[in-house]
Protein backbone atom coordinates (compact mmCIF):
# COMPACT_ATOMS: atom_id res chain seq x y z
CA UNK A 1 1.96 119.63 248.03
CA UNK A 2 1.05 120.25 244.40
CA UNK A 3 -1.67 118.35 242.63
CA UNK A 4 -0.99 116.71 239.32
CA UNK A 5 -3.19 118.23 236.65
CA UNK A 6 -3.31 117.04 233.08
CA UNK A 7 -2.00 119.55 230.58
CA UNK A 8 -4.51 120.83 228.07
CA UNK A 9 -2.40 120.17 225.01
CA UNK A 10 -3.09 117.93 222.08
CA UNK A 11 -1.21 114.68 222.58
CA UNK A 12 -1.44 112.89 219.22
CA UNK A 13 0.09 109.65 220.48
CA UNK A 14 -2.34 109.41 223.40
CA UNK A 15 -5.28 110.20 221.14
CA UNK A 16 -4.23 107.53 218.65
CA UNK A 17 -3.86 104.99 221.50
CA UNK A 18 -7.32 105.85 222.83
CA UNK A 19 -8.82 105.50 219.33
CA UNK A 20 -7.07 102.14 218.85
CA UNK A 21 -8.35 100.91 222.22
CA UNK A 22 -11.90 101.98 221.29
CA UNK A 23 -11.62 100.13 217.96
CA UNK A 24 -10.19 96.96 219.52
CA UNK A 25 -12.59 96.80 222.49
CA UNK A 26 -15.78 97.91 220.76
CA UNK A 27 -15.45 96.70 217.18
CA UNK A 28 -12.78 94.08 216.60
CA UNK A 29 -13.25 91.95 219.73
CA UNK A 30 -17.08 91.94 219.45
CA UNK A 31 -16.77 90.84 215.82
CA UNK A 32 -14.52 87.94 216.79
CA UNK A 33 -17.03 87.07 219.53
CA UNK A 34 -19.87 87.29 217.02
CA UNK A 35 -18.06 84.94 214.62
CA UNK A 36 -17.43 82.43 217.41
CA UNK A 37 -21.05 82.63 218.57
CA UNK A 38 -22.27 82.15 215.01
CA UNK A 39 -20.20 79.00 214.65
CA UNK A 40 -21.68 77.61 217.86
CA UNK A 41 -25.26 78.90 217.73
CA UNK A 42 -26.12 78.76 214.04
CA UNK A 43 -26.60 75.00 213.75
CA UNK A 44 -29.70 74.27 211.73
CA UNK A 45 -32.05 72.54 212.31
CA UNK A 46 -30.83 72.18 215.90
CA UNK A 47 -31.66 75.13 218.14
CA UNK A 48 -29.04 76.07 220.72
CA UNK A 49 -30.55 77.45 223.93
CA UNK A 50 -27.64 79.67 224.97
CA UNK A 51 -28.95 83.12 224.16
CA UNK A 52 -31.88 83.52 226.54
CA UNK A 53 -34.17 83.87 223.56
CA UNK A 54 -32.47 87.00 222.20
CA UNK A 55 -31.99 87.63 218.52
CA UNK A 56 -28.20 87.50 218.84
CA UNK A 57 -27.61 88.07 215.12
CA UNK A 58 -29.20 91.51 215.41
CA UNK A 59 -27.84 92.35 218.84
CA UNK A 60 -24.16 91.41 218.72
CA UNK A 61 -22.66 93.26 215.72
CA UNK A 62 -20.84 96.46 216.77
CA UNK A 63 -22.60 98.42 214.02
CA UNK A 64 -25.84 97.81 215.94
CA UNK A 65 -24.51 98.51 219.43
CA UNK A 66 -22.58 101.72 218.64
CA UNK A 67 -20.53 101.57 221.83
CA UNK A 68 -17.66 104.08 221.92
CA UNK A 69 -15.56 104.94 224.96
CA UNK A 70 -14.24 108.15 223.40
CA UNK A 71 -16.91 109.46 220.98
CA UNK A 72 -15.32 112.90 220.95
CA UNK A 73 -12.28 111.43 219.18
CA UNK A 74 -14.25 110.20 216.17
CA UNK A 75 -15.60 112.17 213.22
CA UNK A 76 -19.30 112.06 212.37
CA UNK A 77 -18.48 109.91 209.33
CA UNK A 78 -16.52 107.45 211.49
CA UNK A 79 -19.39 107.29 213.99
CA UNK A 80 -21.91 106.70 211.20
CA UNK A 81 -19.79 103.81 209.87
CA UNK A 82 -18.85 102.35 213.27
CA UNK A 83 -18.27 98.61 212.95
CA UNK A 84 -19.13 98.48 209.25
CA UNK A 85 -15.70 98.72 207.61
CA UNK A 86 -13.76 95.90 209.18
CA UNK A 87 -11.55 93.64 207.12
CA UNK A 88 -12.24 89.92 207.02
CA UNK A 89 -8.74 89.32 208.44
CA UNK A 90 -9.75 91.15 211.63
CA UNK A 91 -12.60 88.76 212.30
CA UNK A 92 -10.80 85.69 211.00
CA UNK A 93 -12.80 84.93 207.85
């Protein structure tokens, strides 16, 4: 029986899909979550006790978390700007 081994060739379509997944899961969805949380939690002067005392405004944005599933697929410039260049349409503003 032969084992299936991945070929070591550059598969542009797979790489683009992996990059898109990284962007969706680690930038776009967290920004939508952040916007929803802001709508719920940022009610002055009332304080909403749903964050366990964390500073959610500093913690939640993807530019502060820098989570990437496939860091080897991103350039240094893209990594340095992770989560910073997202259109307002993406986050629903």
